[in-house]
N, C-alpha and C. Protein backbone atom coordinates (compact mmCIF):
# COMPACT_ATOMS: atom_id res chain seq x y z
N UNK A 1 215.25 138.51 125.07
CA UNK A 1 214.32 138.87 126.14
C UNK A 1 214.83 140.16 126.77
N UNK A 2 213.94 141.13 126.92
CA UNK A 2 214.34 142.37 127.58
C UNK A 2 214.01 142.31 129.07
N UNK A 3 214.42 143.33 129.80
CA UNK A 3 214.23 143.34 131.25
C UNK A 3 212.76 143.27 131.63
N UNK A 4 211.90 143.99 130.89
CA UNK A 4 210.47 144.00 131.20
C UNK A 4 209.86 142.61 131.07
N UNK A 5 210.21 141.90 129.99
CA UNK A 5 209.68 140.55 129.79
C UNK A 5 210.19 139.61 130.88
N UNK A 6 211.43 139.80 131.32
CA UNK A 6 211.98 138.98 132.39
C UNK A 6 211.20 139.18 133.68
N UNK A 7 210.92 140.44 134.01
CA UNK A 7 210.18 140.74 135.24
C UNK A 7 208.75 140.23 135.15
N UNK A 8 208.09 140.47 134.01
CA UNK A 8 206.72 139.99 133.86
C UNK A 8 206.66 138.47 133.89
N UNK A 9 207.68 137.82 133.35
CA UNK A 9 207.73 136.37 133.40
C UNK A 9 207.82 135.85 134.82
N UNK A 10 208.39 136.65 135.71
CA UNK A 10 208.47 136.26 137.11
C UNK A 10 207.10 136.12 137.75
N UNK A 11 206.10 136.82 137.20
CA UNK A 11 204.73 136.68 137.73
C UNK A 11 204.27 135.23 137.62
N UNK A 12 204.63 134.59 136.53
CA UNK A 12 204.22 133.20 136.34
C UNK A 12 204.89 132.29 137.36
N UNK A 13 206.13 132.61 137.73
CA UNK A 13 206.85 131.79 138.69
C UNK A 13 206.31 131.95 140.10
N UNK A 14 205.79 133.12 140.40
CA UNK A 14 205.27 133.38 141.73
C UNK A 14 204.02 132.56 141.97
N UNK A 15 203.16 132.47 140.93
CA UNK A 15 201.98 131.61 140.95
C UNK A 15 201.11 131.75 142.17
N UNK A 16 201.22 130.79 143.08
CA UNK A 16 200.31 130.72 144.22
C UNK A 16 200.40 131.93 145.13
N UNK A 17 201.56 132.49 145.28
CA UNK A 17 201.70 133.64 146.19
C UNK A 17 201.02 134.87 145.63
N UNK A 18 201.05 135.04 144.31
CA UNK A 18 200.37 136.16 143.69
C UNK A 18 201.03 137.51 143.90
N UNK A 19 202.28 137.53 144.35
CA UNK A 19 202.98 138.78 144.57
C UNK A 19 204.38 138.72 143.96
N UNK A 20 204.84 139.84 143.48
CA UNK A 20 206.21 139.98 142.98
C UNK A 20 206.89 141.01 143.85
N UNK A 21 208.09 140.70 144.33
CA UNK A 21 208.83 141.64 145.15
C UNK A 21 210.22 141.81 144.56
N UNK A 22 210.56 143.03 144.16
CA UNK A 22 211.91 143.34 143.70
C UNK A 22 212.61 144.04 144.85
N UNK A 23 213.92 143.97 144.87
CA UNK A 23 214.70 144.58 145.95
C UNK A 23 214.33 146.05 146.13
N UNK A 24 214.00 146.43 147.32
CA UNK A 24 213.70 147.82 147.63
C UNK A 24 212.31 148.27 147.23
N UNK A 25 211.42 147.35 146.87
CA UNK A 25 210.06 147.74 146.50
C UNK A 25 209.06 147.01 147.36
N UNK A 26 207.82 147.44 147.27
CA UNK A 26 206.76 146.76 147.99
C UNK A 26 206.09 145.74 147.07
N UNK A 27 205.46 144.71 147.62
CA UNK A 27 204.81 143.69 146.79
C UNK A 27 203.72 144.32 145.92
N UNK A 28 203.60 143.79 144.71
CA UNK A 28 202.54 144.22 143.80
C UNK A 28 201.82 142.98 143.30
N UNK A 29 200.52 143.08 143.13
CA UNK A 29 199.72 141.97 142.63
C UNK A 29 200.05 141.72 141.17
N UNK A 30 200.22 140.46 140.79
CA UNK A 30 200.46 140.12 139.39
C UNK A 30 199.19 140.36 138.59
N UNK A 31 199.34 140.89 137.41
CA UNK A 31 198.22 141.10 136.50
C UNK A 31 198.06 139.83 135.68
N UNK A 32 196.92 139.17 135.76
CA UNK A 32 196.70 137.91 135.05
C UNK A 32 196.90 138.07 133.56
N UNK A 33 196.62 139.25 133.03
CA UNK A 33 196.75 139.47 131.59
C UNK A 33 198.21 139.54 131.15
N UNK A 34 199.13 139.85 132.08
CA UNK A 34 200.53 139.97 131.69
C UNK A 34 201.39 138.90 132.34
N UNK A 35 200.82 138.01 133.14
CA UNK A 35 201.61 136.98 133.79
C UNK A 35 202.08 135.96 132.75
N UNK A 36 203.35 135.58 132.81
CA UNK A 36 203.88 134.57 131.91
C UNK A 36 204.52 135.19 130.68
N UNK A 37 205.40 134.42 130.06
CA UNK A 37 206.15 134.93 128.92
C UNK A 37 205.28 135.14 127.69
N UNK A 38 204.33 134.28 127.41
CA UNK A 38 203.54 134.39 126.19
C UNK A 38 202.35 135.31 126.31
N UNK A 39 202.13 135.94 127.46
CA UNK A 39 200.91 136.70 127.69
C UNK A 39 200.95 138.10 127.07
N UNK A 40 202.11 138.69 126.94
CA UNK A 40 202.18 140.05 126.40
C UNK A 40 201.85 140.04 124.92
N UNK A 41 200.97 140.93 124.49
CA UNK A 41 200.65 140.97 123.06
C UNK A 41 201.87 141.42 122.27
N UNK A 42 201.88 141.13 120.98
CA UNK A 42 203.02 141.52 120.17
C UNK A 42 203.15 143.04 120.09
N UNK A 43 204.34 143.51 119.75
CA UNK A 43 204.58 144.95 119.61
C UNK A 43 203.67 145.52 118.54
N UNK A 44 203.19 146.73 118.76
CA UNK A 44 202.27 147.36 117.81
C UNK A 44 202.95 147.75 116.49
N UNK A 45 204.21 147.98 116.47
CA UNK A 45 204.86 148.37 115.23
C UNK A 45 206.20 147.70 115.11
N UNK A 46 206.84 147.72 114.01
CA UNK A 46 206.46 148.35 112.76
C UNK A 46 205.54 147.48 111.90
N UNK A 47 205.51 146.16 112.13
CA UNK A 47 204.64 145.28 111.36
C UNK A 47 203.22 145.38 111.91
N UNK A 48 202.26 145.77 111.10
CA UNK A 48 200.89 145.98 111.56
C UNK A 48 199.93 144.95 110.98
N UNK A 49 200.33 143.72 110.84
CA UNK A 49 199.52 142.68 110.23
C UNK A 49 198.21 142.45 110.99
N UNK A 50 197.21 141.99 110.25
CA UNK A 50 195.88 141.76 110.82
C UNK A 50 195.95 140.74 111.96
N UNK A 51 196.73 139.68 111.79
CA UNK A 51 196.84 138.65 112.84
C UNK A 51 197.34 139.25 114.15
N UNK A 52 198.25 140.21 114.05
CA UNK A 52 198.78 140.86 115.25
C UNK A 52 197.68 141.65 115.95
N UNK A 53 196.88 142.40 115.19
CA UNK A 53 195.81 143.21 115.80
C UNK A 53 194.77 142.33 116.48
N UNK A 54 194.54 141.13 115.99
CA UNK A 54 193.54 140.24 116.62
C UNK A 54 193.93 139.90 118.06
N UNK A 55 195.22 139.95 118.39
CA UNK A 55 195.66 139.70 119.76
C UNK A 55 195.23 140.84 120.70
N UNK A 56 194.86 141.99 120.13
CA UNK A 56 194.45 143.16 120.93
C UNK A 56 192.94 143.31 121.04
N UNK A 57 192.17 142.39 120.46
CA UNK A 57 190.71 142.49 120.53
C UNK A 57 190.25 142.57 121.99
N UNK A 58 189.37 143.52 122.28
CA UNK A 58 188.86 143.70 123.62
C UNK A 58 189.73 144.58 124.50
N UNK A 59 190.90 144.95 124.03
CA UNK A 59 191.81 145.79 124.82
C UNK A 59 191.42 147.27 124.69
N UNK A 60 191.69 148.00 125.76
CA UNK A 60 191.44 149.45 125.77
C UNK A 60 192.70 150.21 125.39
N UNK A 61 192.50 151.33 124.73
CA UNK A 61 193.57 152.24 124.34
C UNK A 61 193.18 153.63 124.82
N UNK A 62 194.14 154.34 125.40
CA UNK A 62 193.90 155.72 125.83
C UNK A 62 194.14 156.61 124.62
N UNK A 63 193.21 157.52 124.40
CA UNK A 63 193.31 158.49 123.32
C UNK A 63 192.92 159.84 123.91
N UNK A 64 193.35 160.92 123.29
CA UNK A 64 193.03 162.25 123.82
C UNK A 64 191.54 162.34 124.11
N UNK A 65 191.20 162.64 125.34
CA UNK A 65 189.81 162.81 125.71
C UNK A 65 189.11 161.56 126.22
N UNK A 66 189.79 160.42 126.28
CA UNK A 66 189.12 159.24 126.81
C UNK A 66 189.77 157.93 126.41
N UNK A 67 188.94 156.89 126.33
CA UNK A 67 189.41 155.54 126.02
C UNK A 67 188.61 154.98 124.86
N UNK A 68 189.29 154.13 124.10
CA UNK A 68 188.65 153.39 123.02
C UNK A 68 188.95 151.92 123.22
N UNK A 69 188.00 151.06 122.89
CA UNK A 69 188.19 149.61 122.98
C UNK A 69 188.18 149.04 121.57
N UNK A 70 189.15 148.20 121.25
CA UNK A 70 189.18 147.54 119.96
C UNK A 70 188.13 146.44 119.98
N UNK A 71 187.06 146.61 119.20
CA UNK A 71 185.94 145.67 119.24
C UNK A 71 185.90 144.72 118.05
N UNK A 72 186.59 145.07 116.96
CA UNK A 72 186.51 144.21 115.78
C UNK A 72 187.72 144.42 114.88
N UNK A 73 188.21 143.32 114.33
CA UNK A 73 189.22 143.35 113.28
C UNK A 73 188.55 142.70 112.09
N UNK A 74 188.19 143.51 111.10
CA UNK A 74 187.38 143.05 109.98
C UNK A 74 188.24 142.91 108.73
N UNK A 75 188.28 141.68 108.18
CA UNK A 75 189.05 141.43 106.96
C UNK A 75 188.35 142.09 105.78
N UNK A 76 189.14 142.67 104.91
CA UNK A 76 188.61 143.29 103.71
C UNK A 76 188.92 142.41 102.51
N UNK A 77 188.50 142.86 101.35
CA UNK A 77 188.84 142.12 100.14
C UNK A 77 190.31 142.33 99.85
N UNK A 78 190.95 141.32 99.35
CA UNK A 78 192.37 141.44 99.04
C UNK A 78 192.55 141.53 97.54
N UNK A 79 193.49 142.34 97.14
CA UNK A 79 193.77 142.54 95.72
C UNK A 79 194.63 141.40 95.18
N UNK A 80 195.02 140.49 96.00
CA UNK A 80 195.88 139.38 95.61
C UNK A 80 196.71 138.95 96.79
N UNK A 81 197.57 138.01 96.55
CA UNK A 81 198.40 137.48 97.64
C UNK A 81 199.41 138.51 98.14
N UNK A 82 199.64 139.58 97.39
CA UNK A 82 200.63 140.57 97.78
C UNK A 82 200.06 141.68 98.65
N UNK A 83 198.78 141.60 99.02
CA UNK A 83 198.16 142.67 99.81
C UNK A 83 197.29 142.07 100.91
N UNK A 84 197.22 142.80 102.02
CA UNK A 84 196.33 142.42 103.12
C UNK A 84 195.52 143.67 103.47
N UNK A 85 194.22 143.58 103.29
CA UNK A 85 193.34 144.70 103.61
C UNK A 85 192.47 144.32 104.79
N UNK A 86 192.36 145.26 105.76
CA UNK A 86 191.51 145.02 106.92
C UNK A 86 191.18 146.35 107.58
N UNK A 87 190.17 146.32 108.45
CA UNK A 87 189.76 147.50 109.20
C UNK A 87 189.72 147.16 110.68
N UNK A 88 190.06 148.14 111.49
CA UNK A 88 189.92 148.03 112.94
C UNK A 88 188.73 148.87 113.34
N UNK A 89 187.89 148.36 114.22
CA UNK A 89 186.74 149.11 114.70
C UNK A 89 186.90 149.31 116.20
N UNK A 90 186.92 150.57 116.61
CA UNK A 90 187.06 150.94 118.02
C UNK A 90 185.74 151.52 118.51
N UNK A 91 185.42 151.24 119.76
CA UNK A 91 184.21 151.77 120.39
C UNK A 91 184.62 152.55 121.62
N UNK A 92 183.97 153.67 121.84
CA UNK A 92 184.29 154.46 123.02
C UNK A 92 183.49 155.73 123.06
N UNK A 93 183.74 156.51 124.07
CA UNK A 93 183.03 157.76 124.23
C UNK A 93 183.99 158.85 124.69
N UNK A 94 184.98 159.21 123.83
CA UNK A 94 185.87 160.31 124.21
C UNK A 94 185.04 161.57 124.48
N UNK A 95 185.49 162.37 125.42
CA UNK A 95 184.74 163.55 125.89
C UNK A 95 184.21 164.41 124.75
N UNK A 96 185.05 164.78 123.81
CA UNK A 96 184.62 165.67 122.73
C UNK A 96 184.45 164.93 121.41
N UNK A 97 184.54 163.62 121.42
CA UNK A 97 184.51 162.87 120.18
C UNK A 97 185.81 163.08 119.42
N UNK A 98 186.04 162.27 118.43
CA UNK A 98 187.25 162.40 117.62
C UNK A 98 186.85 162.75 116.20
N UNK A 99 187.57 163.65 115.61
CA UNK A 99 187.35 163.98 114.20
C UNK A 99 188.23 163.08 113.36
N UNK A 100 187.91 162.96 112.08
CA UNK A 100 188.75 162.18 111.18
C UNK A 100 190.14 162.79 111.17
N UNK A 101 191.14 161.95 111.38
CA UNK A 101 192.52 162.42 111.41
C UNK A 101 193.41 161.45 112.15
N UNK A 102 194.63 161.85 112.37
CA UNK A 102 195.58 161.01 113.08
C UNK A 102 195.45 161.21 114.58
N UNK A 103 195.45 160.09 115.28
CA UNK A 103 195.31 160.11 116.73
C UNK A 103 196.31 159.13 117.33
N UNK A 104 196.90 159.53 118.45
CA UNK A 104 197.83 158.65 119.15
C UNK A 104 197.06 157.80 120.15
N UNK A 105 197.26 156.50 120.09
CA UNK A 105 196.64 155.56 121.01
C UNK A 105 197.73 154.96 121.89
N UNK A 106 197.43 154.78 123.18
CA UNK A 106 198.37 154.19 124.11
C UNK A 106 197.73 152.96 124.74
N UNK A 107 198.41 151.82 124.61
CA UNK A 107 197.94 150.56 125.18
C UNK A 107 198.39 150.45 126.63
N UNK A 108 197.77 149.58 127.41
CA UNK A 108 198.12 149.42 128.83
C UNK A 108 199.57 148.97 129.03
N UNK A 109 200.18 148.41 127.99
CA UNK A 109 201.57 147.99 128.08
C UNK A 109 202.53 149.17 127.91
N UNK A 110 201.98 150.36 127.62
CA UNK A 110 202.79 151.54 127.41
C UNK A 110 203.14 151.77 125.95
N UNK A 111 202.80 150.83 125.10
CA UNK A 111 203.06 150.99 123.68
C UNK A 111 202.18 152.09 123.10
N UNK A 112 202.75 152.85 122.18
CA UNK A 112 202.00 153.92 121.53
C UNK A 112 202.02 153.70 120.03
N UNK A 113 200.91 154.07 119.40
CA UNK A 113 200.82 153.99 117.95
C UNK A 113 199.93 155.12 117.47
N UNK A 114 200.27 155.67 116.33
CA UNK A 114 199.48 156.74 115.73
C UNK A 114 198.75 156.17 114.54
N UNK A 115 197.43 156.31 114.53
CA UNK A 115 196.59 155.78 113.46
C UNK A 115 195.72 156.89 112.88
N UNK A 116 195.44 156.77 111.58
CA UNK A 116 194.43 157.63 110.98
C UNK A 116 193.09 156.94 111.22
N UNK A 117 192.19 157.61 111.92
CA UNK A 117 190.88 157.04 112.24
C UNK A 117 189.81 158.02 111.80
N UNK A 118 188.63 157.46 111.55
CA UNK A 118 187.49 158.30 111.18
C UNK A 118 186.24 157.80 111.88
N UNK A 119 185.31 158.70 112.19
CA UNK A 119 184.05 158.28 112.81
C UNK A 119 183.33 157.27 111.92
N UNK A 120 182.70 156.29 112.57
CA UNK A 120 182.00 155.23 111.84
C UNK A 120 180.62 154.95 112.42
N UNK A 121 179.94 155.99 112.92
CA UNK A 121 178.59 155.81 113.47
C UNK A 121 178.59 155.56 114.96
N UNK A 122 177.56 154.84 115.41
CA UNK A 122 177.41 154.55 116.84
C UNK A 122 177.07 153.08 117.03
N UNK A 123 177.48 152.52 118.17
CA UNK A 123 177.18 151.13 118.50
C UNK A 123 175.76 151.04 119.04
N UNK A 124 175.28 149.82 119.23
CA UNK A 124 173.95 149.61 119.79
C UNK A 124 173.86 150.15 121.21
N UNK A 125 174.99 150.24 121.91
CA UNK A 125 175.01 150.76 123.27
C UNK A 125 175.13 152.28 123.30
N UNK A 126 175.22 152.91 122.14
CA UNK A 126 175.29 154.37 122.07
C UNK A 126 176.69 154.94 122.08
N UNK A 127 177.71 154.07 122.08
CA UNK A 127 179.09 154.55 122.03
C UNK A 127 179.47 154.90 120.60
N UNK A 128 180.32 155.90 120.48
CA UNK A 128 180.83 156.27 119.16
C UNK A 128 181.72 155.15 118.63
N UNK A 129 181.68 154.96 117.32
CA UNK A 129 182.55 153.99 116.66
C UNK A 129 183.55 154.74 115.80
N UNK A 130 184.77 154.22 115.76
CA UNK A 130 185.83 154.80 114.94
C UNK A 130 186.51 153.68 114.18
N UNK A 131 186.90 153.97 112.94
CA UNK A 131 187.48 152.96 112.07
C UNK A 131 188.86 153.39 111.59
N UNK A 132 189.77 152.42 111.55
CA UNK A 132 191.10 152.61 110.96
C UNK A 132 191.26 151.54 109.89
N UNK A 133 191.56 151.96 108.66
CA UNK A 133 191.67 151.03 107.53
C UNK A 133 193.13 150.80 107.17
N UNK A 134 193.44 149.57 106.78
CA UNK A 134 194.80 149.19 106.41
C UNK A 134 194.80 148.52 105.04
N UNK A 135 195.81 148.80 104.26
CA UNK A 135 196.08 148.10 103.01
C UNK A 135 197.57 147.86 102.98
N UNK A 136 197.98 146.69 103.42
CA UNK A 136 199.39 146.38 103.54
C UNK A 136 199.87 145.62 102.31
N UNK A 137 200.90 146.12 101.69
CA UNK A 137 201.48 145.49 100.52
C UNK A 137 202.70 144.70 100.94
N UNK A 138 202.80 143.48 100.46
CA UNK A 138 203.95 142.62 100.82
C UNK A 138 205.16 142.96 99.99
């Protein structure tokens, strides 16, 4: 357990009070999404398995020019038991749009990951869609 997990776990202990106070700081409201030991999503790297990405569904990521929300983790066909193929679908409206290429995404937990993404059309709400494809070999 690292220091951050220890502090975030304290949110669960505070419970009814809803505030965490560390020495020399002012009270801060606990974030329901990060309260408790099991609430933090798994680290984004180095293992990028599909099951791990499903824990991030609905989460926002900051990218140059705006935000993207992970809206779908779509399983692909597998070449056998030694491979896992899947796609991530992000929805958002970055200011200038994103071109196909590598982009750095930052999660609210401060984790950063660089993915190759490409435009994938538009959602029913008019937001741009972007796709990142994975083919993981065991």
